[in-house]
Amino acid sequence: ARRHAAARRGRRPAGRERFFAGGDSTVRGFAQDRLGEMATLDRNGLPTGGNALLVFNGEVRVAVWRGLAAAAFMDAGNVFLRVSNLDVGAVRGAAGFGVRYASPIGPIRVDLGFKLDRQRFANGTREGRTALHITVGQAF
């Protein structure tokens, strides 16, 4: 299990200095950097980042056979425009499962995450249900 919180006070930092969430190492039900409160997304649901971040992860791994393991996880988090917007009640969740393989170059993992609460964006489109992540190394 892991929890992470970060915040910046003061002026709104440049894009590369802002916090982003979603992806294989934060909330796996979301594509890379695609999670945030509505104030941190443009009308098409694309991220602009924020000054505060909350992330919670929990994962259970079970050895299956010769270097193969199964995993089940619950992730939650959000990005907030301002530190004053931090709200545990606005945290969004994802759950999923995955497979781990202990390769000579390190663990290879495949995770499929499912959003627990899909949102509709200002342009009328809706978030996808799932995100697939294929990576080398553990999530945390």
C-alpha atoms as a PDB file:
ATOM      1  CA  ALA A   1       0.000   0.000   0.000  1.00  0.00           C
ATOM      2  CA  ARG A   2       1.107   3.544  -0.656  1.00  0.00           C
ATOM      3  CA  ARG A   3      -0.264   7.019  -0.090  1.00  0.00           C
ATOM      4  CA  HIS A   4       1.098  10.248  -1.483  1.00  0.00           C
ATOM      5  CA  ALA A   5       0.157  13.887  -1.091  1.00  0.00           C
ATOM      6  CA  ALA A   6       1.901  16.910  -2.532  1.00  0.00           C
ATOM      7  CA  ALA A   7       1.071  20.588  -2.758  1.00  0.00           C
ATOM      8  CA  ARG A   8       2.458  23.895  -3.998  1.00  0.00           C
ATOM      9  CA  ARG A   9       1.308  27.255  -2.682  1.00  0.00           C
ATOM     10  CA  GLY A  10       1.508  30.560  -4.469  1.00  0.00           C
ATOM     11  CA  ARG A  11       1.362  31.342  -8.172  1.00  0.00           C
ATOM     12  CA  ARG A  12       0.147  28.812 -10.731  1.00  0.00           C
ATOM     13  CA  PRO A  13       3.324  27.102 -11.980  1.00  0.00           C
ATOM     14  CA  ALA A  14       4.164  26.476 -15.625  1.00  0.00           C
ATOM     15  CA  GLY A  15       2.696  23.294 -17.174  1.00  0.00           C
ATOM     16  CA  ARG A  16       5.737  21.099 -16.639  1.00  0.00           C
ATOM     17  CA  GLU A  17       5.868  22.086 -12.937  1.00  0.00           C
ATOM     18  CA  ARG A  18       2.226  21.191 -12.229  1.00  0.00           C
ATOM     19  CA  PHE A  19       1.023  17.923 -10.719  1.00  0.00           C
ATOM     20  CA  PHE A  20      -0.641  15.291 -12.902  1.00  0.00           C
ATOM     21  CA  ALA A  21      -2.176  11.896 -12.045  1.00  0.00           C
ATOM     22  CA  GLY A  22      -3.456   8.842 -13.833  1.00  0.00           C
ATOM     23  CA  GLY A  23      -1.357   6.097 -15.353  1.00  0.00           C
ATOM     24  CA  ASP A  24       0.660   3.031 -14.440  1.00  0.00           C
ATOM     25  CA  SER A  25       2.266   4.505 -11.307  1.00  0.00           C
ATOM     26  CA  THR A  26      -0.620   6.546  -9.852  1.00  0.00           C
ATOM     27  CA  VAL A  27      -4.273   5.647 -10.590  1.00  0.00           C
ATOM     28  CA  ARG A  28      -4.348   2.754 -13.048  1.00  0.00           C
ATOM     29  CA  GLY A  29      -7.970   3.133 -14.196  1.00  0.00           C
ATOM     30  CA  PHE A  30      -6.898   6.287 -16.048  1.00  0.00           C
ATOM     31  CA  ALA A  31      -4.602   6.901 -18.998  1.00  0.00           C
ATOM     32  CA  GLN A  32      -1.301   8.648 -18.284  1.00  0.00           C
ATOM     33  CA  ASP A  33      -1.909  12.081 -16.673  1.00  0.00           C
ATOM     34  CA  ARG A  34      -5.662  12.071 -17.508  1.00  0.00           C
ATOM     35  CA  LEU A  35      -7.032  12.371 -13.952  1.00  0.00           C
ATOM     36  CA  GLY A  36      -7.993  15.648 -12.316  1.00  0.00           C
ATOM     37  CA  GLU A  37     -10.859  17.668 -10.896  1.00  0.00           C
ATOM     38  CA  MET A  38     -12.826  19.480 -13.613  1.00  0.00           C
ATOM     39  CA  ALA A  39     -10.928  22.738 -12.946  1.00  0.00           C
ATOM     40  CA  THR A  40      -7.699  20.974 -14.023  1.00  0.00           C
ATOM     41  CA  LEU A  41      -9.137  19.665 -17.326  1.00  0.00           C
ATOM     42  CA  ASP A  42      -9.997  21.545 -20.500  1.00  0.00           C
ATOM     43  CA  ARG A  43     -13.447  21.159 -22.114  1.00  0.00           C
ATOM     44  CA  ASN A  44     -12.250  18.023 -23.956  1.00  0.00           C
ATOM     45  CA  GLY A  45     -11.030  16.363 -20.758  1.00  0.00           C
ATOM     46  CA  LEU A  46      -7.344  17.012 -21.468  1.00  0.00           C
ATOM     47  CA  PRO A  47      -5.244  17.743 -18.376  1.00  0.00           C
ATOM     48  CA  THR A  48      -3.826  21.161 -17.548  1.00  0.00           C
ATOM     49  CA  GLY A  49      -2.394  20.089 -14.160  1.00  0.00           C
ATOM     50  CA  GLY A  50      -2.826  21.445 -10.679  1.00  0.00           C
ATOM     51  CA  ASN A  51      -1.077  22.640  -7.539  1.00  0.00           C
ATOM     52  CA  ALA A  52      -2.141  19.736  -5.282  1.00  0.00           C
ATOM     53  CA  LEU A  53      -2.208  15.948  -5.604  1.00  0.00           C
ATOM     54  CA  LEU A  54      -3.582  13.037  -3.551  1.00  0.00           C
ATOM     55  CA  VAL A  55      -2.872   9.391  -4.480  1.00  0.00           C
ATOM     56  CA  PHE A  56      -3.661   6.183  -2.566  1.00  0.00           C
ATOM     57  CA  ASN A  57      -2.681   2.699  -3.805  1.00  0.00           C
ATOM     58  CA  GLY A  58      -3.247  -0.808  -2.528  1.00  0.00           C
ATOM     59  CA  GLU A  59      -2.166  -3.987  -4.284  1.00  0.00           C
ATOM     60  CA  VAL A  60      -2.142  -7.700  -3.478  1.00  0.00           C
ATOM     61  CA  ARG A  61       0.183 -10.034  -5.404  1.00  0.00           C
ATOM     62  CA  VAL A  62      -0.091 -13.826  -5.399  1.00  0.00           C
ATOM     63  CA  ALA A  63       2.519 -16.153  -6.922  1.00  0.00           C
ATOM     64  CA  VAL A  64       0.901 -18.412  -9.511  1.00  0.00           C
ATOM     65  CA  TRP A  65       3.573 -20.417 -11.322  1.00  0.00           C
ATOM     66  CA  ARG A  66       7.299 -20.099 -12.197  1.00  0.00           C
ATOM     67  CA  GLY A  67       7.796 -16.369 -12.079  1.00  0.00           C
ATOM     68  CA  LEU A  68       4.163 -15.530 -12.854  1.00  0.00           C
ATOM     69  CA  ALA A  69       2.022 -13.700 -10.329  1.00  0.00           C
ATOM     70  CA  ALA A  70      -1.508 -12.347 -10.304  1.00  0.00           C
ATOM     71  CA  ALA A  71      -2.342  -8.969  -8.812  1.00  0.00           C
ATOM     72  CA  ALA A  72      -5.489  -7.157  -7.721  1.00  0.00           C
ATOM     73  CA  PHE A  73      -5.454  -3.452  -6.916  1.00  0.00           C
ATOM     74  CA  MET A  74      -7.449  -0.452  -5.759  1.00  0.00           C
ATOM     75  CA  ASP A  75      -6.145   3.016  -6.572  1.00  0.00           C
ATOM     76  CA  ALA A  76      -7.627   6.405  -5.763  1.00  0.00           C
ATOM     77  CA  GLY A  77      -6.546   9.975  -6.256  1.00  0.00           C
ATOM     78  CA  ASN A  78      -7.099  13.337  -7.839  1.00  0.00           C
ATOM     79  CA  VAL A  79      -5.321  16.511  -8.902  1.00  0.00           C
ATOM     80  CA  PHE A  80      -6.627  19.809  -7.544  1.00  0.00           C
ATOM     81  CA  LEU A  81      -6.204  23.266  -9.053  1.00  0.00           C
ATOM     82  CA  ARG A  82      -5.349  24.857  -5.694  1.00  0.00           C
ATOM     83  CA  VAL A  83      -4.207  23.570  -2.311  1.00  0.00           C
ATOM     84  CA  SER A  84      -7.392  25.063  -0.841  1.00  0.00           C
ATOM     85  CA  ASN A  85      -9.405  22.735  -3.147  1.00  0.00           C
ATOM     86  CA  LEU A  86      -7.973  19.554  -1.547  1.00  0.00           C
ATOM     87  CA  ASP A  87     -10.957  17.348  -0.762  1.00  0.00           C
ATOM     88  CA  VAL A  88     -10.753  13.662   0.144  1.00  0.00           C
ATOM     89  CA  GLY A  89     -14.415  13.405  -0.909  1.00  0.00           C
ATOM     90  CA  ALA A  90     -13.415  14.349  -4.471  1.00  0.00           C
ATOM     91  CA  VAL A  91     -10.911  11.500  -4.763  1.00  0.00           C
ATOM     92  CA  ARG A  92     -11.742   9.215  -7.704  1.00  0.00           C
ATOM     93  CA  GLY A  93     -11.231   5.497  -7.586  1.00  0.00           C
ATOM     94  CA  ALA A  94     -10.199   2.651  -9.834  1.00  0.00           C
ATOM     95  CA  ALA A  95      -9.937  -1.084  -9.323  1.00  0.00           C
ATOM     96  CA  GLY A  96      -8.382  -3.751 -11.451  1.00  0.00           C
ATOM     97  CA  PHE A  97      -6.217  -6.766 -11.889  1.00  0.00           C
ATOM     98  CA  GLY A  98      -2.946  -7.644 -13.509  1.00  0.00           C
ATOM     99  CA  VAL A  99      -0.282 -10.195 -14.269  1.00  0.00           C
ATOM    100  CA  ARG A 100       3.377  -9.993 -13.239  1.00  0.00           C
ATOM    101  CA  TYR A 101       6.277 -11.870 -14.826  1.00  0.00           C
ATOM    102  CA  ALA A 102       9.703 -11.939 -13.163  1.00  0.00           C
ATOM    103  CA  SER A 103      11.902 -11.501 -16.252  1.00  0.00           C
ATOM    104  CA  PRO A 104      15.716 -11.250 -16.280  1.00  0.00           C
ATOM    105  CA  ILE A 105      15.424  -7.472 -16.892  1.00  0.00           C
ATOM    106  CA  GLY A 106      12.955  -6.933 -14.058  1.00  0.00           C
ATOM    107  CA  PRO A 107       9.266  -7.480 -13.448  1.00  0.00           C
ATOM    108  CA  ILE A 108       7.039  -7.059 -16.485  1.00  0.00           C
ATOM    109  CA  ARG A 109       3.496  -6.164 -15.581  1.00  0.00           C
ATOM    110  CA  VAL A 110       0.224  -5.884 -17.403  1.00  0.00           C
ATOM    111  CA  ASP A 111      -2.588  -4.102 -15.535  1.00  0.00           C
ATOM    112  CA  LEU A 112      -6.183  -3.448 -16.533  1.00  0.00           C
ATOM    113  CA  GLY A 113      -7.847  -0.742 -14.440  1.00  0.00           C
ATOM    114  CA  PHE A 114     -11.538   0.155 -14.320  1.00  0.00           C
ATOM    115  CA  LYS A 115     -12.826   3.606 -13.338  1.00  0.00           C
ATOM    116  CA  LEU A 116     -15.349   3.422 -10.516  1.00  0.00           C
ATOM    117  CA  ASP A 117     -17.066   6.692 -11.528  1.00  0.00           C
ATOM    118  CA  ARG A 118     -16.908   7.893 -15.127  1.00  0.00           C
ATOM    119  CA  GLN A 119     -17.349  11.615 -15.859  1.00  0.00           C
ATOM    120  CA  ARG A 120     -18.915  13.501 -18.748  1.00  0.00           C
ATOM    121  CA  PHE A 121     -16.891  16.431 -20.124  1.00  0.00           C
ATOM    122  CA  ALA A 122     -18.142  19.882 -21.181  1.00  0.00           C
ATOM    123  CA  ASN A 123     -18.039  18.837 -24.867  1.00  0.00           C
ATOM    124  CA  GLY A 124     -20.510  15.993 -24.150  1.00  0.00           C
ATOM    125  CA  THR A 125     -18.057  13.096 -24.396  1.00  0.00           C
ATOM    126  CA  ARG A 126     -17.601  10.618 -21.585  1.00  0.00           C
ATOM    127  CA  GLU A 127     -14.478   9.030 -20.114  1.00  0.00           C
ATOM    128  CA  GLY A 128     -13.614   5.516 -21.209  1.00  0.00           C
ATOM    129  CA  ARG A 129     -14.221   2.675 -18.752  1.00  0.00           C
ATOM    130  CA  THR A 130     -10.752   1.138 -18.677  1.00  0.00           C
ATOM    131  CA  ALA A 131      -7.047   1.759 -19.066  1.00  0.00           C
ATOM    132  CA  LEU A 132      -4.491  -0.904 -20.018  1.00  0.00           C
ATOM    133  CA  HIS A 133      -0.903  -0.490 -18.817  1.00  0.00           C
ATOM    134  CA  ILE A 134       2.076  -2.605 -19.902  1.00  0.00           C
ATOM    135  CA  THR A 135       5.295  -1.683 -18.107  1.00  0.00           C
ATOM    136  CA  VAL A 136       8.593  -2.898 -16.712  1.00  0.00           C
ATOM    137  CA  GLY A 137       9.018  -2.575 -12.930  1.00  0.00           C
ATOM    138  CA  GLN A 138       6.562  -2.584 -10.040  1.00  0.00           C
ATOM    139  CA  ALA A 139       3.980   0.184  -9.629  1.00  0.00           C
ATOM    140  CA  PHE A 140       5.495   1.165  -6.258  1.00  0.00           C
END
